[in-house]
Amino acid sequence: MIKKEGSVIQNNFGFNLKKIRNSKGLSLRAMARNCDIDDSNISKIENGKFDVQLSTIFELAKGLDIHPKDLLDF
């Protein structure tokens, strides 16, 4: 059951990340240039296939030029 809940959280986080990235008109590569995360890993996060750490959330926020809490508002 915990694994399922984790998957739901990962999927919701990834959906929110992609929504914000698209609203800013950024491609995966453009966002990757703004932070220290490879575009393929950003894609995995957006698709709920990657469990993110706190440090990753901060890097993603840097890449989107937003506050990290905005990524958790889903």
PDB file of N, CA and C in Angstrom:
ATOM      1  N   MET A   1       0.835  -1.202   0.000  1.00  0.00           N
ATOM      2  CA  MET A   1       0.000   0.000   0.000  1.00  0.00           C
ATOM      3  C   MET A   1       0.870   1.252   0.000  1.00  0.00           C
ATOM      4  N   ILE A   2       1.918   1.279   0.775  1.00  0.00           N
ATOM      5  CA  ILE A   2       2.781   2.457   0.817  1.00  0.00           C
ATOM      6  C   ILE A   2       3.400   2.713  -0.549  1.00  0.00           C
ATOM      7  N   LYS A   3       3.790   1.649  -1.252  1.00  0.00           N
ATOM      8  CA  LYS A   3       4.380   1.807  -2.577  1.00  0.00           C
ATOM      9  C   LYS A   3       3.386   2.458  -3.537  1.00  0.00           C
ATOM     10  N   LYS A   4       2.122   2.035  -3.460  1.00  0.00           N
ATOM     11  CA  LYS A   4       1.095   2.636  -4.308  1.00  0.00           C
ATOM     12  C   LYS A   4       0.949   4.127  -4.025  1.00  0.00           C
ATOM     13  N   GLU A   5       0.898   4.495  -2.745  1.00  0.00           N
ATOM     14  CA  GLU A   5       0.767   5.898  -2.385  1.00  0.00           C
ATOM     15  C   GLU A   5       1.966   6.688  -2.897  1.00  0.00           C
ATOM     16  N   GLY A   6       3.146   6.105  -2.789  1.00  0.00           N
ATOM     17  CA  GLY A   6       4.336   6.753  -3.301  1.00  0.00           C
ATOM     18  C   GLY A   6       4.239   6.979  -4.791  1.00  0.00           C
ATOM     19  N   SER A   7       3.695   6.014  -5.493  1.00  0.00           N
ATOM     20  CA  SER A   7       3.535   6.146  -6.937  1.00  0.00           C
ATOM     21  C   SER A   7       2.561   7.267  -7.286  1.00  0.00           C
ATOM     22  N   VAL A   8       1.497   7.381  -6.523  1.00  0.00           N
ATOM     23  CA  VAL A   8       0.528   8.454  -6.751  1.00  0.00           C
ATOM     24  C   VAL A   8       1.194   9.810  -6.522  1.00  0.00           C
ATOM     25  N   ILE A   9       1.967   9.909  -5.461  1.00  0.00           N
ATOM     26  CA  ILE A   9       2.671  11.160  -5.171  1.00  0.00           C
ATOM     27  C   ILE A   9       3.668  11.469  -6.283  1.00  0.00           C
ATOM     28  N   GLN A  10       4.425  10.476  -6.716  1.00  0.00           N
ATOM     29  CA  GLN A  10       5.387  10.676  -7.802  1.00  0.00           C
ATOM     30  C   GLN A  10       4.677  11.123  -9.075  1.00  0.00           C
ATOM     31  N   ASN A  11       3.559  10.500  -9.397  1.00  0.00           N
ATOM     32  CA  ASN A  11       2.810  10.872 -10.603  1.00  0.00           C
ATOM     33  C   ASN A  11       2.264  12.289 -10.506  1.00  0.00           C
ATOM     34  N   ASN A  12       1.724  12.642  -9.351  1.00  0.00           N
ATOM     35  CA  ASN A  12       1.186  13.993  -9.172  1.00  0.00           C
ATOM     36  C   ASN A  12       2.290  15.037  -9.227  1.00  0.00           C
ATOM     37  N   PHE A  13       3.428  14.743  -8.602  1.00  0.00           N
ATOM     38  CA  PHE A  13       4.558  15.659  -8.642  1.00  0.00           C
ATOM     39  C   PHE A  13       5.025  15.845 -10.086  1.00  0.00           C
ATOM     40  N   GLY A  14       5.169  14.741 -10.804  1.00  0.00           N
ATOM     41  CA  GLY A  14       5.614  14.803 -12.194  1.00  0.00           C
ATOM     42  C   GLY A  14       4.656  15.563 -13.080  1.00  0.00           C
ATOM     43  N   PHE A  15       3.365  15.349 -12.886  1.00  0.00           N
ATOM     44  CA  PHE A  15       2.354  16.074 -13.667  1.00  0.00           C
ATOM     45  C   PHE A  15       2.460  17.567 -13.405  1.00  0.00           C
ATOM     46  N   ASN A  16       2.613  17.941 -12.142  1.00  0.00           N
ATOM     47  CA  ASN A  16       2.727  19.351 -11.777  1.00  0.00           C
ATOM     48  C   ASN A  16       4.000  19.963 -12.360  1.00  0.00           C
ATOM     49  N   LEU A  17       5.103  19.232 -12.292  1.00  0.00           N
ATOM     50  CA  LEU A  17       6.357  19.699 -12.865  1.00  0.00           C
ATOM     51  C   LEU A  17       6.208  19.970 -14.363  1.00  0.00           C
ATOM     52  N   LYS A  18       5.631  19.036 -15.066  1.00  0.00           N
ATOM     53  CA  LYS A  18       5.449  19.192 -16.523  1.00  0.00           C
ATOM     54  C   LYS A  18       4.522  20.359 -16.841  1.00  0.00           C
ATOM     55  N   LYS A  19       3.469  20.505 -16.042  1.00  0.00           N
ATOM     56  CA  LYS A  19       2.524  21.606 -16.248  1.00  0.00           C
ATOM     57  C   LYS A  19       3.230  22.952 -16.103  1.00  0.00           C
ATOM     58  N   ILE A  20       4.040  23.086 -15.069  1.00  0.00           N
ATOM     59  CA  ILE A  20       4.765  24.339 -14.847  1.00  0.00           C
ATOM     60  C   ILE A  20       5.784  24.571 -15.959  1.00  0.00           C
ATOM     61  N   ARG A  21       6.523  23.523 -16.325  1.00  0.00           N
ATOM     62  CA  ARG A  21       7.531  23.658 -17.389  1.00  0.00           C
ATOM     63  C   ARG A  21       6.881  24.091 -18.698  1.00  0.00           C
ATOM     64  N   ASN A  22       5.762  23.465 -19.048  1.00  0.00           N
ATOM     65  CA  ASN A  22       5.061  23.826 -20.282  1.00  0.00           C
ATOM     66  C   ASN A  22       4.495  25.242 -20.220  1.00  0.00           C
ATOM     67  N   SER A  23       4.001  25.649 -19.046  1.00  0.00           N
ATOM     68  CA  SER A  23       3.440  26.994 -18.919  1.00  0.00           C
ATOM     69  C   SER A  23       4.515  28.064 -19.096  1.00  0.00           C
ATOM     70  N   LYS A  24       5.765  27.705 -18.822  1.00  0.00           N
ATOM     71  CA  LYS A  24       6.881  28.636 -19.006  1.00  0.00           C
ATOM     72  C   LYS A  24       7.484  28.514 -20.401  1.00  0.00           C
ATOM     73  N   GLY A  25       6.942  27.615 -21.220  1.00  0.00           N
ATOM     74  CA  GLY A  25       7.416  27.449 -22.585  1.00  0.00           C
ATOM     75  C   GLY A  25       8.810  26.841 -22.681  1.00  0.00           C
ATOM     76  N   LEU A  26       9.185  26.038 -21.694  1.00  0.00           N
ATOM     77  CA  LEU A  26      10.516  25.442 -21.681  1.00  0.00           C
ATOM     78  C   LEU A  26      10.491  24.002 -22.189  1.00  0.00           C
ATOM     79  N   SER A  27      11.430  23.674 -23.048  1.00  0.00           N
ATOM     80  CA  SER A  27      11.614  22.281 -23.434  1.00  0.00           C
ATOM     81  C   SER A  27      12.383  21.585 -22.318  1.00  0.00           C
ATOM     82  N   LEU A  28      12.451  20.269 -22.389  1.00  0.00           N
ATOM     83  CA  LEU A  28      13.227  19.528 -21.403  1.00  0.00           C
ATOM     84  C   LEU A  28      14.693  19.965 -21.437  1.00  0.00           C
ATOM     85  N   ARG A  29      15.232  20.136 -22.630  1.00  0.00           N
ATOM     86  CA  ARG A  29      16.638  20.544 -22.753  1.00  0.00           C
ATOM     87  C   ARG A  29      16.881  21.945 -22.224  1.00  0.00           C
ATOM     88  N   ALA A  30      15.943  22.855 -22.496  1.00  0.00           N
ATOM     89  CA  ALA A  30      16.101  24.227 -21.996  1.00  0.00           C
ATOM     90  C   ALA A  30      16.075  24.240 -20.475  1.00  0.00           C
ATOM     91  N   MET A  31      15.179  23.470 -19.892  1.00  0.00           N
ATOM     92  CA  MET A  31      15.121  23.409 -18.435  1.00  0.00           C
ATOM     93  C   MET A  31      16.396  22.775 -17.878  1.00  0.00           C
ATOM     94  N   ALA A  32      16.873  21.725 -18.523  1.00  0.00           N
ATOM     95  CA  ALA A  32      18.091  21.049 -18.070  1.00  0.00           C
ATOM     96  C   ALA A  32      19.294  21.988 -18.086  1.00  0.00           C
ATOM     97  N   ARG A  33      19.329  22.911 -19.045  1.00  0.00           N
ATOM     98  CA  ARG A  33      20.421  23.889 -19.098  1.00  0.00           C
ATOM     99  C   ARG A  33      20.389  24.836 -17.902  1.00  0.00           C
ATOM    100  N   ASN A  34      19.203  25.024 -17.309  1.00  0.00           N
ATOM    101  CA  ASN A  34      19.043  25.937 -16.187  1.00  0.00           C
ATOM    102  C   ASN A  34      19.306  25.290 -14.829  1.00  0.00           C
ATOM    103  N   CYS A  35      19.467  23.984 -14.816  1.00  0.00           N
ATOM    104  CA  CYS A  35      19.710  23.298 -13.548  1.00  0.00           C
ATOM    105  C   CYS A  35      20.679  22.146 -13.762  1.00  0.00           C
ATOM    106  N   ASP A  36      21.036  21.489 -12.710  1.00  0.00           N
ATOM    107  CA  ASP A  36      22.020  20.420 -12.768  1.00  0.00           C
ATOM    108  C   ASP A  36      21.359  19.046 -12.833  1.00  0.00           C
ATOM    109  N   ILE A  37      20.355  18.917 -13.721  1.00  0.00           N
ATOM    110  CA  ILE A  37      19.647  17.646 -13.906  1.00  0.00           C
ATOM    111  C   ILE A  37      19.529  17.390 -15.404  1.00  0.00           C
ATOM    112  N   ASP A  38      19.888  16.211 -15.826  1.00  0.00           N
ATOM    113  CA  ASP A  38      19.837  15.822 -17.234  1.00  0.00           C
ATOM    114  C   ASP A  38      18.388  15.797 -17.732  1.00  0.00           C
ATOM    115  N   ASP A  39      18.184  16.160 -19.000  1.00  0.00           N
ATOM    116  CA  ASP A  39      16.826  16.193 -19.553  1.00  0.00           C
ATOM    117  C   ASP A  39      16.145  14.828 -19.511  1.00  0.00           C
ATOM    118  N   SER A  40      16.900  13.750 -19.647  1.00  0.00           N
ATOM    119  CA  SER A  40      16.278  12.422 -19.580  1.00  0.00           C
ATOM    120  C   SER A  40      15.764  12.128 -18.165  1.00  0.00           C
ATOM    121  N   ASN A  41      16.477  12.608 -17.150  1.00  0.00           N
ATOM    122  CA  ASN A  41      16.002  12.423 -15.776  1.00  0.00           C
ATOM    123  C   ASN A  41      14.797  13.302 -15.474  1.00  0.00           C
ATOM    124  N   ILE A  42      14.769  14.500 -16.035  1.00  0.00           N
ATOM    125  CA  ILE A  42      13.586  15.353 -15.870  1.00  0.00           C
ATOM    126  C   ILE A  42      12.371  14.653 -16.468  1.00  0.00           C
ATOM    127  N   SER A  43      12.544  14.058 -17.632  1.00  0.00           N
ATOM    128  CA  SER A  43      11.453  13.327 -18.275  1.00  0.00           C
ATOM    129  C   SER A  43      10.972  12.178 -17.396  1.00  0.00           C
ATOM    130  N   LYS A  44      11.903  11.436 -16.802  1.00  0.00           N
ATOM    131  CA  LYS A  44      11.527  10.328 -15.908  1.00  0.00           C
ATOM    132  C   LYS A  44      10.758  10.841 -14.697  1.00  0.00           C
ATOM    133  N   ILE A  45      11.174  11.978 -14.164  1.00  0.00           N
ATOM    134  CA  ILE A  45      10.464  12.568 -13.021  1.00  0.00           C
ATOM    135  C   ILE A  45       9.053  12.963 -13.444  1.00  0.00           C
ATOM    136  N   GLU A  46       8.933  13.606 -14.600  1.00  0.00           N
ATOM    137  CA  GLU A  46       7.618  14.033 -15.074  1.00  0.00           C
ATOM    138  C   GLU A  46       6.679  12.855 -15.303  1.00  0.00           C
ATOM    139  N   ASN A  47       7.243  11.714 -15.636  1.00  0.00           N
ATOM    140  CA  ASN A  47       6.431  10.528 -15.903  1.00  0.00           C
ATOM    141  C   ASN A  47       6.272   9.627 -14.682  1.00  0.00           C
ATOM    142  N   GLY A  48       6.674  10.125 -13.502  1.00  0.00           N
ATOM    143  CA  GLY A  48       6.485   9.388 -12.268  1.00  0.00           C
ATOM    144  C   GLY A  48       7.362   8.158 -12.134  1.00  0.00           C
ATOM    145  N   LYS A  49       8.460   8.115 -12.873  1.00  0.00           N
ATOM    146  CA  LYS A  49       9.334   6.940 -12.873  1.00  0.00           C
ATOM    147  C   LYS A  49      10.576   7.125 -12.009  1.00  0.00           C
ATOM    148  N   PHE A  50      10.637   8.221 -11.302  1.00  0.00           N
ATOM    149  CA  PHE A  50      11.846   8.568 -10.555  1.00  0.00           C
ATOM    150  C   PHE A  50      11.434   9.184  -9.235  1.00  0.00           C
ATOM    151  N   ASP A  51      11.938   8.653  -8.148  1.00  0.00           N
ATOM    152  CA  ASP A  51      11.639   9.183  -6.820  1.00  0.00           C
ATOM    153  C   ASP A  51      12.621  10.310  -6.513  1.00  0.00           C
ATOM    154  N   VAL A  52      12.135  11.522  -6.341  1.00  0.00           N
ATOM    155  CA  VAL A  52      13.017  12.680  -6.171  1.00  0.00           C
ATOM    156  C   VAL A  52      13.403  12.904  -4.712  1.00  0.00           C
ATOM    157  N   GLN A  53      14.594  13.440  -4.541  1.00  0.00           N
ATOM    158  CA  GLN A  53      15.079  13.834  -3.225  1.00  0.00           C
ATOM    159  C   GLN A  53      14.851  15.329  -3.067  1.00  0.00           C
ATOM    160  N   LEU A  54      14.981  15.799  -1.852  1.00  0.00           N
ATOM    161  CA  LEU A  54      14.797  17.220  -1.571  1.00  0.00           C
ATOM    162  C   LEU A  54      15.752  18.073  -2.403  1.00  0.00           C
ATOM    163  N   SER A  55      16.992  17.656  -2.524  1.00  0.00           N
ATOM    164  CA  SER A  55      17.963  18.420  -3.307  1.00  0.00           C
ATOM    165  C   SER A  55      17.548  18.503  -4.777  1.00  0.00           C
ATOM    166  N   THR A  56      16.904  17.456  -5.279  1.00  0.00           N
ATOM    167  CA  THR A  56      16.423  17.453  -6.662  1.00  0.00           C
ATOM    168  C   THR A  56      15.294  18.452  -6.839  1.00  0.00           C
ATOM    169  N   ILE A  57      14.425  18.551  -5.857  1.00  0.00           N
ATOM    170  CA  ILE A  57      13.321  19.512  -5.923  1.00  0.00           C
ATOM    171  C   ILE A  57      13.878  20.930  -6.018  1.00  0.00           C
ATOM    172  N   PHE A  58      14.914  21.221  -5.247  1.00  0.00           N
ATOM    173  CA  PHE A  58      15.524  22.548  -5.307  1.00  0.00           C
ATOM    174  C   PHE A  58      16.169  22.808  -6.664  1.00  0.00           C
ATOM    175  N   GLU A  59      16.820  21.803  -7.242  1.00  0.00           N
ATOM    176  CA  GLU A  59      17.425  21.964  -8.568  1.00  0.00           C
ATOM    177  C   GLU A  59      16.356  22.184  -9.636  1.00  0.00           C
ATOM    178  N   LEU A  60      15.266  21.422  -9.560  1.00  0.00           N
ATOM    179  CA  LEU A  60      14.171  21.594 -10.523  1.00  0.00           C
ATOM    180  C   LEU A  60      13.578  22.991 -10.407  1.00  0.00           C
ATOM    181  N   ALA A  61      13.390  23.460  -9.195  1.00  0.00           N
ATOM    182  CA  ALA A  61      12.854  24.813  -8.985  1.00  0.00           C
ATOM    183  C   ALA A  61      13.796  25.854  -9.576  1.00  0.00           C
ATOM    184  N   LYS A  62      15.093  25.646  -9.396  1.00  0.00           N
ATOM    185  CA  LYS A  62      16.077  26.559  -9.982  1.00  0.00           C
ATOM    186  C   LYS A  62      15.942  26.557 -11.505  1.00  0.00           C
ATOM    187  N   GLY A  63      15.763  25.391 -12.090  1.00  0.00           N
ATOM    188  CA  GLY A  63      15.621  25.277 -13.533  1.00  0.00           C
ATOM    189  C   GLY A  63      14.378  25.955 -14.072  1.00  0.00           C
ATOM    190  N   LEU A  64      13.356  26.063 -13.227  1.00  0.00           N
ATOM    191  CA  LEU A  64      12.105  26.706 -13.631  1.00  0.00           C
ATOM    192  C   LEU A  64      12.007  28.153 -13.144  1.00  0.00           C
ATOM    193  N   ASP A  65      12.977  28.571 -12.356  1.00  0.00           N
ATOM    194  CA  ASP A  65      12.975  29.909 -11.758  1.00  0.00           C
ATOM    195  C   ASP A  65      11.711  30.137 -10.919  1.00  0.00           C
ATOM    196  N   ILE A  66      11.427  29.153 -10.054  1.00  0.00           N
ATOM    197  CA  ILE A  66      10.278  29.240  -9.158  1.00  0.00           C
ATOM    198  C   ILE A  66      10.730  28.851  -7.751  1.00  0.00           C
ATOM    199  N   HIS A  67       9.859  29.067  -6.780  1.00  0.00           N
ATOM    200  CA  HIS A  67      10.120  28.644  -5.406  1.00  0.00           C
ATOM    201  C   HIS A  67       9.866  27.139  -5.317  1.00  0.00           C
ATOM    202  N   PRO A  68      10.695  26.387  -4.607  1.00  0.00           N
ATOM    203  CA  PRO A  68      10.493  24.932  -4.513  1.00  0.00           C
ATOM    204  C   PRO A  68       9.104  24.526  -4.037  1.00  0.00           C
ATOM    205  N   LYS A  69       8.477  25.309  -3.184  1.00  0.00           N
ATOM    206  CA  LYS A  69       7.145  24.942  -2.681  1.00  0.00           C
ATOM    207  C   LYS A  69       6.115  24.886  -3.809  1.00  0.00           C
ATOM    208  N   ASP A  70       6.344  25.629  -4.886  1.00  0.00           N
ATOM    209  CA  ASP A  70       5.405  25.606  -6.001  1.00  0.00           C
ATOM    210  C   ASP A  70       5.348  24.225  -6.664  1.00  0.00           C
ATOM    211  N   LEU A  71       6.438  23.485  -6.582  1.00  0.00           N
ATOM    212  CA  LEU A  71       6.446  22.135  -7.163  1.00  0.00           C
ATOM    213  C   LEU A  71       5.656  21.155  -6.308  1.00  0.00           C
ATOM    214  N   LEU A  72       5.444  21.493  -5.060  1.00  0.00           N
ATOM    215  CA  LEU A  72       4.725  20.599  -4.155  1.00  0.00           C
ATOM    216  C   LEU A  72       3.263  20.981  -3.998  1.00  0.00           C
ATOM    217  N   ASP A  73       2.821  21.977  -4.727  1.00  0.00           N
ATOM    218  CA  ASP A  73       1.440  22.453  -4.648  1.00  0.00           C
ATOM    219  C   ASP A  73       0.586  21.734  -5.699  1.00  0.00           C
ATOM    220  N   PHE A  74       0.262  20.468  -5.416  1.00  0.00           N
ATOM    221  CA  PHE A  74      -0.546  19.698  -6.360  1.00  0.00           C
ATOM    222  C   PHE A  74      -1.680  18.992  -5.682  1.00  0.00           C
TER     223      PHE A  74
END
